[in-house]
Amino acid sequence: MLIGAALAGGSALNREVGSIDKGGATPDPLKVRVVKVVDGDTIRVRFVSGATGRVRYIGIDTPETQPRAGRSTCFAEEATRENERLVGGGEVSLRFDRDRMDRYDRLLAYVFAGDTFVNAALVSGGFARPLTVEPNSEFAERFSSLADAAKQAKRGLWAACSP
């Protein structure tokens, strides 16, 4: 299975997904339990072993929540609530692209809640914008098309926030 091989000196998350190498073919989806929705495009998950880690959704960006500053950017709370509705407390499957981790020690993934492709649902509903960071670009065209449709329909942040 995916869990098992440890990377020397890495974080708990690196050890947990140590058998997922950097680059190469995407392994079978990794099933995890969502323990917290951090914001519109980041969750904290629990692995089968009990370890936890943060997951950043690939290919999208949602407005930022800034709890320390006491304010959020336009539509941030709505994006967080929608992410909570889609994945909160449930089991999700993580699918990977080429880079597995970012510089903030977050696992990078496409997230699926049952049959719902969460990254795409957030863009389609107007809760997220496409954000392509190479080499993780498998769904870039799809996210761009969904964003164009959301803009034209003036859904979500496209209706609530000025450009």
N, C-alpha and C. Protein backbone atom coordinates (compact mmCIF):
# COMPACT_ATOMS: atom_id res chain seq x y z
N MET A 1 0.85 -1.19 0.00
CA MET A 1 0.00 0.00 0.00
C MET A 1 0.89 1.24 0.00
N LEU A 2 0.27 2.41 -0.02
CA LEU A 2 1.01 3.65 -0.10
C LEU A 2 1.71 4.00 1.20
N ILE A 3 1.15 3.58 2.32
CA ILE A 3 1.68 4.00 3.61
C ILE A 3 2.74 2.99 4.05
N GLY A 4 3.81 3.47 4.59
CA GLY A 4 4.77 2.52 5.10
C GLY A 4 6.20 2.98 5.01
N ALA A 5 6.71 3.20 3.85
CA ALA A 5 8.12 3.56 3.72
C ALA A 5 8.36 4.93 4.30
N ALA A 6 9.37 5.05 5.14
CA ALA A 6 9.66 6.32 5.79
C ALA A 6 10.80 7.04 5.09
N LEU A 7 10.68 8.35 5.04
CA LEU A 7 11.78 9.17 4.52
C LEU A 7 12.59 9.65 5.71
N ALA A 8 13.86 9.45 5.68
CA ALA A 8 14.72 9.84 6.79
C ALA A 8 14.67 11.34 7.00
N GLY A 9 14.44 11.75 8.26
CA GLY A 9 14.51 13.16 8.63
C GLY A 9 13.36 14.03 8.16
N GLY A 10 12.33 13.47 7.51
CA GLY A 10 11.23 14.27 7.01
C GLY A 10 10.15 14.50 8.04
N SER A 11 9.11 15.20 7.64
CA SER A 11 7.99 15.48 8.52
C SER A 11 7.14 14.22 8.68
N ALA A 12 6.18 14.28 9.61
CA ALA A 12 5.26 13.17 9.79
C ALA A 12 4.49 12.90 8.50
N LEU A 13 4.12 13.96 7.79
CA LEU A 13 3.41 13.79 6.54
C LEU A 13 4.28 13.10 5.51
N ASN A 14 5.54 13.51 5.40
CA ASN A 14 6.46 12.84 4.49
C ASN A 14 6.60 11.36 4.83
N ARG A 15 6.71 11.06 6.12
CA ARG A 15 6.82 9.65 6.51
C ARG A 15 5.55 8.89 6.17
N GLU A 16 4.40 9.54 6.36
CA GLU A 16 3.12 8.87 6.10
C GLU A 16 2.96 8.50 4.63
N VAL A 17 3.35 9.38 3.75
CA VAL A 17 3.19 9.13 2.32
C VAL A 17 4.54 8.87 1.66
N GLY A 18 5.46 8.39 2.43
CA GLY A 18 6.83 8.18 1.96
C GLY A 18 6.95 7.31 0.74
N SER A 19 6.02 6.39 0.53
CA SER A 19 6.13 5.53 -0.63
C SER A 19 5.60 6.18 -1.89
N ILE A 20 5.03 7.39 -1.75
CA ILE A 20 4.63 8.14 -2.93
C ILE A 20 5.84 8.95 -3.35
N ASP A 21 6.50 8.53 -4.40
CA ASP A 21 7.73 9.22 -4.79
C ASP A 21 7.41 10.53 -5.50
N LYS A 22 8.38 11.39 -5.60
CA LYS A 22 8.20 12.65 -6.33
C LYS A 22 8.24 12.37 -7.81
N GLY A 23 7.20 12.78 -8.50
CA GLY A 23 7.13 12.58 -9.95
C GLY A 23 6.70 11.17 -10.29
N GLY A 24 6.58 10.93 -11.57
CA GLY A 24 6.20 9.61 -12.03
C GLY A 24 4.70 9.40 -12.04
N ALA A 25 4.32 8.16 -12.20
CA ALA A 25 2.91 7.81 -12.35
C ALA A 25 2.13 8.06 -11.06
N THR A 26 0.86 8.42 -11.23
CA THR A 26 -0.02 8.62 -10.09
C THR A 26 -0.41 7.27 -9.51
N PRO A 27 -0.22 7.09 -8.20
CA PRO A 27 -0.62 5.83 -7.58
C PRO A 27 -2.13 5.78 -7.43
N ASP A 28 -2.63 4.65 -6.97
CA ASP A 28 -4.06 4.55 -6.67
C ASP A 28 -4.42 5.66 -5.70
N PRO A 29 -5.68 6.11 -5.73
CA PRO A 29 -6.07 7.18 -4.80
C PRO A 29 -5.83 6.76 -3.34
N LEU A 30 -5.48 7.73 -2.53
CA LEU A 30 -5.24 7.52 -1.11
C LEU A 30 -6.49 7.97 -0.37
N LYS A 31 -7.10 7.08 0.40
CA LYS A 31 -8.30 7.42 1.17
C LYS A 31 -7.89 7.94 2.54
N VAL A 32 -8.49 9.07 2.92
CA VAL A 32 -8.21 9.72 4.20
C VAL A 32 -9.51 10.27 4.77
N ARG A 33 -9.50 10.61 6.06
CA ARG A 33 -10.65 11.22 6.72
C ARG A 33 -10.36 12.70 6.94
N VAL A 34 -11.29 13.56 6.58
CA VAL A 34 -11.14 15.00 6.80
C VAL A 34 -11.41 15.27 8.28
N VAL A 35 -10.46 15.90 8.96
CA VAL A 35 -10.65 16.25 10.37
C VAL A 35 -10.91 17.74 10.56
N LYS A 36 -10.51 18.54 9.55
CA LYS A 36 -10.77 19.98 9.64
C LYS A 36 -10.69 20.60 8.26
N VAL A 37 -11.62 21.49 7.99
CA VAL A 37 -11.54 22.32 6.79
C VAL A 37 -10.85 23.60 7.22
N VAL A 38 -9.66 23.84 6.67
CA VAL A 38 -8.87 25.01 7.04
C VAL A 38 -9.41 26.25 6.35
N ASP A 39 -9.66 26.14 5.04
CA ASP A 39 -10.23 27.23 4.26
C ASP A 39 -10.81 26.62 2.98
N GLY A 40 -11.00 27.43 1.97
CA GLY A 40 -11.63 26.94 0.75
C GLY A 40 -10.82 25.96 -0.06
N ASP A 41 -9.49 25.94 0.11
CA ASP A 41 -8.67 25.04 -0.70
C ASP A 41 -7.64 24.26 0.11
N THR A 42 -7.84 24.16 1.41
CA THR A 42 -6.92 23.41 2.27
C THR A 42 -7.71 22.67 3.34
N ILE A 43 -7.33 21.41 3.57
CA ILE A 43 -7.95 20.60 4.62
C ILE A 43 -6.88 19.93 5.46
N ARG A 44 -7.26 19.52 6.65
CA ARG A 44 -6.40 18.68 7.49
C ARG A 44 -7.05 17.30 7.47
N VAL A 45 -6.23 16.27 7.26
CA VAL A 45 -6.74 14.91 7.13
C VAL A 45 -6.05 13.97 8.11
N ARG A 46 -6.73 12.84 8.37
CA ARG A 46 -6.16 11.77 9.19
C ARG A 46 -5.97 10.54 8.30
N PHE A 47 -4.76 10.01 8.35
CA PHE A 47 -4.42 8.81 7.59
C PHE A 47 -4.83 7.57 8.39
N VAL A 48 -4.84 6.44 7.74
CA VAL A 48 -5.19 5.18 8.38
C VAL A 48 -4.36 4.94 9.65
N SER A 49 -3.11 5.34 9.63
CA SER A 49 -2.20 5.14 10.77
C SER A 49 -2.55 6.02 11.96
N GLY A 50 -3.37 7.06 11.74
CA GLY A 50 -3.69 8.01 12.80
C GLY A 50 -2.94 9.32 12.67
N ALA A 51 -1.89 9.36 11.87
CA ALA A 51 -1.15 10.60 11.64
C ALA A 51 -2.04 11.59 10.89
N THR A 52 -1.77 12.88 11.07
CA THR A 52 -2.53 13.90 10.36
C THR A 52 -1.60 14.76 9.52
N GLY A 53 -2.17 15.43 8.54
CA GLY A 53 -1.41 16.33 7.70
C GLY A 53 -2.33 17.26 6.94
N ARG A 54 -1.75 18.31 6.37
CA ARG A 54 -2.51 19.27 5.59
C ARG A 54 -2.45 18.90 4.11
N VAL A 55 -3.58 19.14 3.43
CA VAL A 55 -3.68 18.89 1.99
C VAL A 55 -4.12 20.19 1.33
N ARG A 56 -3.36 20.61 0.33
CA ARG A 56 -3.68 21.80 -0.48
C ARG A 56 -4.21 21.30 -1.81
N TYR A 57 -5.37 21.80 -2.23
CA TYR A 57 -5.98 21.38 -3.49
C TYR A 57 -5.15 21.87 -4.66
N ILE A 58 -4.89 21.00 -5.62
CA ILE A 58 -4.14 21.35 -6.82
C ILE A 58 -5.04 22.07 -7.81
N GLY A 59 -4.48 23.09 -8.47
CA GLY A 59 -5.12 23.70 -9.63
C GLY A 59 -6.12 24.79 -9.36
N ILE A 60 -6.36 25.09 -8.08
CA ILE A 60 -7.36 26.12 -7.75
C ILE A 60 -6.82 27.02 -6.65
N ASP A 61 -7.46 28.17 -6.52
CA ASP A 61 -7.15 29.09 -5.44
C ASP A 61 -8.44 29.74 -5.00
N THR A 62 -8.67 29.75 -3.70
CA THR A 62 -9.87 30.40 -3.16
C THR A 62 -9.45 31.66 -2.42
N PRO A 63 -10.38 32.59 -2.22
CA PRO A 63 -10.07 33.79 -1.45
C PRO A 63 -9.55 33.40 -0.07
N GLU A 64 -8.65 34.20 0.46
CA GLU A 64 -7.97 33.88 1.72
C GLU A 64 -8.74 34.35 2.95
N THR A 65 -8.77 33.48 3.95
CA THR A 65 -9.27 33.88 5.26
C THR A 65 -8.06 34.37 6.06
N GLN A 66 -8.26 35.41 6.81
CA GLN A 66 -7.18 35.98 7.61
C GLN A 66 -7.65 36.18 9.04
N PRO A 67 -7.78 35.07 9.80
CA PRO A 67 -8.35 35.20 11.14
C PRO A 67 -7.55 36.09 12.09
N ARG A 68 -6.23 36.15 11.96
CA ARG A 68 -5.42 36.99 12.85
C ARG A 68 -5.70 38.47 12.61
N ALA A 69 -5.95 38.81 11.37
CA ALA A 69 -6.23 40.21 11.04
C ALA A 69 -7.69 40.57 11.29
N GLY A 70 -8.52 39.56 11.60
CA GLY A 70 -9.92 39.81 11.88
C GLY A 70 -10.75 40.09 10.64
N ARG A 71 -10.22 39.75 9.46
CA ARG A 71 -10.97 39.97 8.24
C ARG A 71 -10.59 38.91 7.21
N SER A 72 -11.41 38.81 6.20
CA SER A 72 -11.16 37.88 5.11
C SER A 72 -11.31 38.62 3.80
N THR A 73 -10.71 38.07 2.74
CA THR A 73 -10.92 38.66 1.43
C THR A 73 -12.32 38.29 0.95
N CYS A 74 -12.78 39.01 -0.06
CA CYS A 74 -14.14 38.82 -0.57
C CYS A 74 -14.41 37.37 -0.91
N PHE A 75 -15.45 36.82 -0.36
CA PHE A 75 -15.98 35.49 -0.62
C PHE A 75 -15.19 34.36 0.06
N ALA A 76 -14.26 34.69 0.95
CA ALA A 76 -13.46 33.66 1.64
C ALA A 76 -14.32 32.78 2.54
N GLU A 77 -15.20 33.38 3.33
CA GLU A 77 -16.04 32.57 4.23
C GLU A 77 -16.97 31.66 3.45
N GLU A 78 -17.51 32.18 2.34
CA GLU A 78 -18.40 31.36 1.52
C GLU A 78 -17.65 30.17 0.92
N ALA A 79 -16.42 30.40 0.45
CA ALA A 79 -15.61 29.31 -0.11
C ALA A 79 -15.30 28.27 0.95
N THR A 80 -14.98 28.72 2.15
CA THR A 80 -14.69 27.78 3.25
C THR A 80 -15.94 26.97 3.59
N ARG A 81 -17.09 27.64 3.68
CA ARG A 81 -18.34 26.92 3.98
C ARG A 81 -18.67 25.89 2.90
N GLU A 82 -18.44 26.25 1.64
CA GLU A 82 -18.73 25.31 0.56
C GLU A 82 -17.79 24.11 0.63
N ASN A 83 -16.53 24.34 0.92
CA ASN A 83 -15.59 23.24 1.09
C ASN A 83 -16.03 22.35 2.25
N GLU A 84 -16.46 22.95 3.34
CA GLU A 84 -16.98 22.19 4.49
C GLU A 84 -18.19 21.35 4.08
N ARG A 85 -19.08 21.93 3.30
CA ARG A 85 -20.26 21.20 2.85
C ARG A 85 -19.86 19.99 1.99
N LEU A 86 -18.86 20.18 1.15
CA LEU A 86 -18.45 19.12 0.23
C LEU A 86 -17.66 18.01 0.92
N VAL A 87 -16.80 18.35 1.88
CA VAL A 87 -15.88 17.33 2.43
C VAL A 87 -15.89 17.20 3.94
N GLY A 88 -16.48 18.13 4.66
CA GLY A 88 -16.35 18.19 6.11
C GLY A 88 -16.66 16.89 6.84
N GLY A 89 -15.68 16.41 7.58
CA GLY A 89 -15.84 15.21 8.41
C GLY A 89 -15.94 13.91 7.67
N GLY A 90 -15.91 13.96 6.36
CA GLY A 90 -16.08 12.75 5.57
C GLY A 90 -14.79 12.12 5.11
N GLU A 91 -14.93 10.98 4.48
CA GLU A 91 -13.79 10.32 3.87
C GLU A 91 -13.65 10.86 2.45
N VAL A 92 -12.42 11.15 2.05
CA VAL A 92 -12.14 11.62 0.70
C VAL A 92 -11.01 10.79 0.12
N SER A 93 -10.92 10.82 -1.19
CA SER A 93 -9.81 10.18 -1.90
C SER A 93 -8.92 11.27 -2.47
N LEU A 94 -7.62 11.08 -2.31
CA LEU A 94 -6.65 12.03 -2.83
C LEU A 94 -5.97 11.41 -4.04
N ARG A 95 -5.90 12.20 -5.10
CA ARG A 95 -5.20 11.77 -6.31
C ARG A 95 -4.10 12.79 -6.58
N PHE A 96 -2.97 12.32 -7.02
CA PHE A 96 -1.79 13.17 -7.13
C PHE A 96 -1.43 13.45 -8.57
N ASP A 97 -0.68 14.53 -8.74
CA ASP A 97 -0.11 14.91 -10.03
C ASP A 97 1.38 14.67 -9.91
N ARG A 98 2.20 15.46 -10.52
CA ARG A 98 3.65 15.19 -10.51
C ARG A 98 4.32 15.55 -9.19
N ASP A 99 4.12 16.77 -8.69
CA ASP A 99 4.69 17.15 -7.39
C ASP A 99 3.71 16.77 -6.29
N ARG A 100 4.21 16.10 -5.25
CA ARG A 100 3.34 15.62 -4.17
C ARG A 100 3.28 16.56 -2.98
N MET A 101 4.34 17.37 -2.78
CA MET A 101 4.41 18.24 -1.61
C MET A 101 4.78 19.65 -2.06
N ASP A 102 4.32 20.65 -1.29
CA ASP A 102 4.75 22.01 -1.58
C ASP A 102 5.78 22.46 -0.55
N ARG A 103 6.25 23.67 -0.69
CA ARG A 103 7.31 24.17 0.19
C ARG A 103 6.82 24.41 1.61
N TYR A 104 5.51 24.38 1.83
CA TYR A 104 4.94 24.55 3.16
C TYR A 104 4.63 23.21 3.82
N ASP A 105 5.16 22.13 3.24
CA ASP A 105 5.00 20.78 3.77
C ASP A 105 3.54 20.31 3.72
N ARG A 106 2.82 20.77 2.70
CA ARG A 106 1.44 20.31 2.50
C ARG A 106 1.44 19.30 1.35
N LEU A 107 0.62 18.28 1.49
CA LEU A 107 0.41 17.34 0.42
C LEU A 107 -0.44 18.03 -0.64
N LEU A 108 -0.08 17.90 -1.91
CA LEU A 108 -0.82 18.51 -3.02
C LEU A 108 -1.67 17.43 -3.67
N ALA A 109 -2.99 17.70 -3.82
CA ALA A 109 -3.85 16.63 -4.33
C ALA A 109 -5.10 17.17 -5.02
N TYR A 110 -5.63 16.32 -5.89
CA TYR A 110 -6.98 16.47 -6.40
C TYR A 110 -7.84 15.69 -5.41
N VAL A 111 -8.94 16.28 -4.96
CA VAL A 111 -9.73 15.71 -3.88
C VAL A 111 -11.09 15.26 -4.42
N PHE A 112 -11.47 14.04 -4.06
CA PHE A 112 -12.74 13.47 -4.47
C PHE A 112 -13.53 13.04 -3.25
N ALA A 113 -14.78 13.52 -3.15
CA ALA A 113 -15.70 13.12 -2.09
C ALA A 113 -16.78 12.29 -2.77
N GLY A 114 -16.66 10.98 -2.68
CA GLY A 114 -17.55 10.10 -3.44
C GLY A 114 -17.30 10.34 -4.92
N ASP A 115 -18.36 10.66 -5.65
CA ASP A 115 -18.25 10.93 -7.09
C ASP A 115 -17.96 12.40 -7.40
N THR A 116 -17.87 13.24 -6.38
CA THR A 116 -17.68 14.67 -6.58
C THR A 116 -16.19 15.02 -6.64
N PHE A 117 -15.78 15.62 -7.74
CA PHE A 117 -14.42 16.13 -7.89
C PHE A 117 -14.44 17.50 -7.24
N VAL A 118 -13.98 17.59 -6.01
CA VAL A 118 -14.13 18.78 -5.18
C VAL A 118 -13.45 20.00 -5.80
N ASN A 119 -12.23 19.85 -6.30
CA ASN A 119 -11.52 20.98 -6.92
C ASN A 119 -12.39 21.59 -8.02
N ALA A 120 -12.93 20.75 -8.89
CA ALA A 120 -13.75 21.21 -10.01
C ALA A 120 -15.07 21.81 -9.53
N ALA A 121 -15.68 21.21 -8.51
CA ALA A 121 -16.95 21.72 -7.99
C ALA A 121 -16.78 23.13 -7.41
N LEU A 122 -15.66 23.38 -6.76
CA LEU A 122 -15.41 24.71 -6.21
C LEU A 122 -15.26 25.76 -7.31
N VAL A 123 -14.58 25.41 -8.40
CA VAL A 123 -14.43 26.34 -9.53
C VAL A 123 -15.78 26.54 -10.21
N SER A 124 -16.49 25.47 -10.47
CA SER A 124 -17.77 25.54 -11.17
C SER A 124 -18.79 26.38 -10.40
N GLY A 125 -18.76 26.30 -9.08
CA GLY A 125 -19.69 27.06 -8.26
C GLY A 125 -19.28 28.51 -8.04
N GLY A 126 -18.12 28.88 -8.54
CA GLY A 126 -17.65 30.25 -8.37
C GLY A 126 -16.97 30.51 -7.04
N PHE A 127 -16.55 29.44 -6.35
CA PHE A 127 -15.88 29.58 -5.06
C PHE A 127 -14.36 29.63 -5.20
N ALA A 128 -13.83 29.29 -6.39
CA ALA A 128 -12.39 29.24 -6.61
C ALA A 128 -12.06 29.69 -8.02
N ARG A 129 -10.82 30.13 -8.18
CA ARG A 129 -10.27 30.47 -9.49
C ARG A 129 -9.23 29.41 -9.85
N PRO A 130 -9.03 29.19 -11.14
CA PRO A 130 -7.95 28.27 -11.53
C PRO A 130 -6.59 28.86 -11.14
N LEU A 131 -5.69 28.00 -10.73
CA LEU A 131 -4.32 28.41 -10.42
C LEU A 131 -3.41 27.26 -10.81
N THR A 132 -2.76 27.39 -11.94
CA THR A 132 -1.87 26.33 -12.42
C THR A 132 -0.46 26.60 -11.96
N VAL A 133 0.11 25.65 -11.25
CA VAL A 133 1.50 25.70 -10.82
C VAL A 133 2.16 24.46 -11.40
N GLU A 134 2.97 24.68 -12.43
CA GLU A 134 3.65 23.56 -13.08
C GLU A 134 4.55 22.85 -12.09
N PRO A 135 4.68 21.56 -12.19
CA PRO A 135 4.22 20.69 -13.26
C PRO A 135 2.84 20.09 -13.02
N ASN A 136 2.11 20.56 -12.00
CA ASN A 136 0.80 19.99 -11.67
C ASN A 136 -0.29 20.67 -12.49
N SER A 137 -0.52 20.16 -13.69
CA SER A 137 -1.43 20.84 -14.62
C SER A 137 -2.40 19.90 -15.32
N GLU A 138 -2.60 18.71 -14.80
CA GLU A 138 -3.44 17.72 -15.47
C GLU A 138 -4.84 18.24 -15.81
N PHE A 139 -5.45 19.02 -14.92
CA PHE A 139 -6.82 19.48 -15.14
C PHE A 139 -6.91 20.99 -15.41
N ALA A 140 -5.81 21.61 -15.78
CA ALA A 140 -5.77 23.07 -15.97
C ALA A 140 -6.80 23.54 -16.98
N GLU A 141 -6.91 22.88 -18.12
CA GLU A 141 -7.88 23.30 -19.13
C GLU A 141 -9.31 23.15 -18.63
N ARG A 142 -9.58 22.07 -17.92
CA ARG A 142 -10.92 21.86 -17.37
C ARG A 142 -11.27 22.95 -16.37
N PHE A 143 -10.35 23.27 -15.47
CA PHE A 143 -10.62 24.31 -14.48
C PHE A 143 -10.83 25.67 -15.15
N SER A 144 -10.08 25.96 -16.19
CA SER A 144 -10.22 27.22 -16.91
C SER A 144 -11.59 27.32 -17.58
N SER A 145 -12.04 26.24 -18.19
CA SER A 145 -13.37 26.22 -18.82
C SER A 145 -14.48 26.40 -17.79
N LEU A 146 -14.34 25.74 -16.65
CA LEU A 146 -15.35 25.87 -15.59
C LEU A 146 -15.39 27.30 -15.05
N ALA A 147 -14.22 27.92 -14.91
CA ALA A 147 -14.17 29.31 -14.43
C ALA A 147 -14.80 30.26 -15.43
N ASP A 148 -14.56 30.04 -16.72
CA ASP A 148 -15.17 30.88 -17.75
C ASP A 148 -16.69 30.81 -17.66
N ALA A 149 -17.22 29.60 -17.48
CA ALA A 149 -18.67 29.42 -17.38
C ALA A 149 -19.21 30.10 -16.12
N ALA A 150 -18.49 29.99 -14.99
CA ALA A 150 -18.93 30.63 -13.75
C ALA A 150 -18.92 32.16 -13.88
N LYS A 151 -17.89 32.69 -14.57
CA LYS A 151 -17.81 34.14 -14.80
C LYS A 151 -19.00 34.61 -15.62
N GLN A 152 -19.27 33.90 -16.72
CA GLN A 152 -20.37 34.30 -17.60
C GLN A 152 -21.71 34.24 -16.88
N ALA A 153 -21.87 33.25 -16.00
CA ALA A 153 -23.12 33.11 -15.25
C ALA A 153 -23.14 34.00 -14.01
N LYS A 154 -22.03 34.68 -13.75
CA LYS A 154 -21.88 35.54 -12.56
C LYS A 154 -22.22 34.77 -11.29
N ARG A 155 -21.57 33.58 -11.15
CA ARG A 155 -21.75 32.76 -9.95
C ARG A 155 -20.67 33.07 -8.94
N GLY A 156 -21.07 33.02 -7.68
CA GLY A 156 -20.13 33.09 -6.57
C GLY A 156 -19.31 34.35 -6.55
N LEU A 157 -17.99 34.17 -6.44
CA LEU A 157 -17.11 35.33 -6.31
C LEU A 157 -17.16 36.21 -7.54
N TRP A 158 -17.55 35.64 -8.68
CA TRP A 158 -17.65 36.44 -9.91
C TRP A 158 -18.79 37.44 -9.82
N ALA A 159 -19.78 37.19 -8.96
CA ALA A 159 -20.88 38.13 -8.77
C ALA A 159 -20.64 39.03 -7.56
N ALA A 160 -20.00 38.49 -6.53
CA ALA A 160 -19.88 39.19 -5.25
C ALA A 160 -18.66 40.11 -5.15
N CYS A 161 -17.61 39.83 -5.91
CA CYS A 161 -16.36 40.56 -5.72
C CYS A 161 -15.99 41.30 -7.00
N SER A 162 -15.49 42.50 -6.85
CA SER A 162 -15.03 43.22 -8.04
C SER A 162 -13.71 42.62 -8.50
N PRO A 163 -13.42 42.67 -9.82
CA PRO A 163 -12.23 42.03 -10.35
C PRO A 163 -10.93 42.51 -9.79
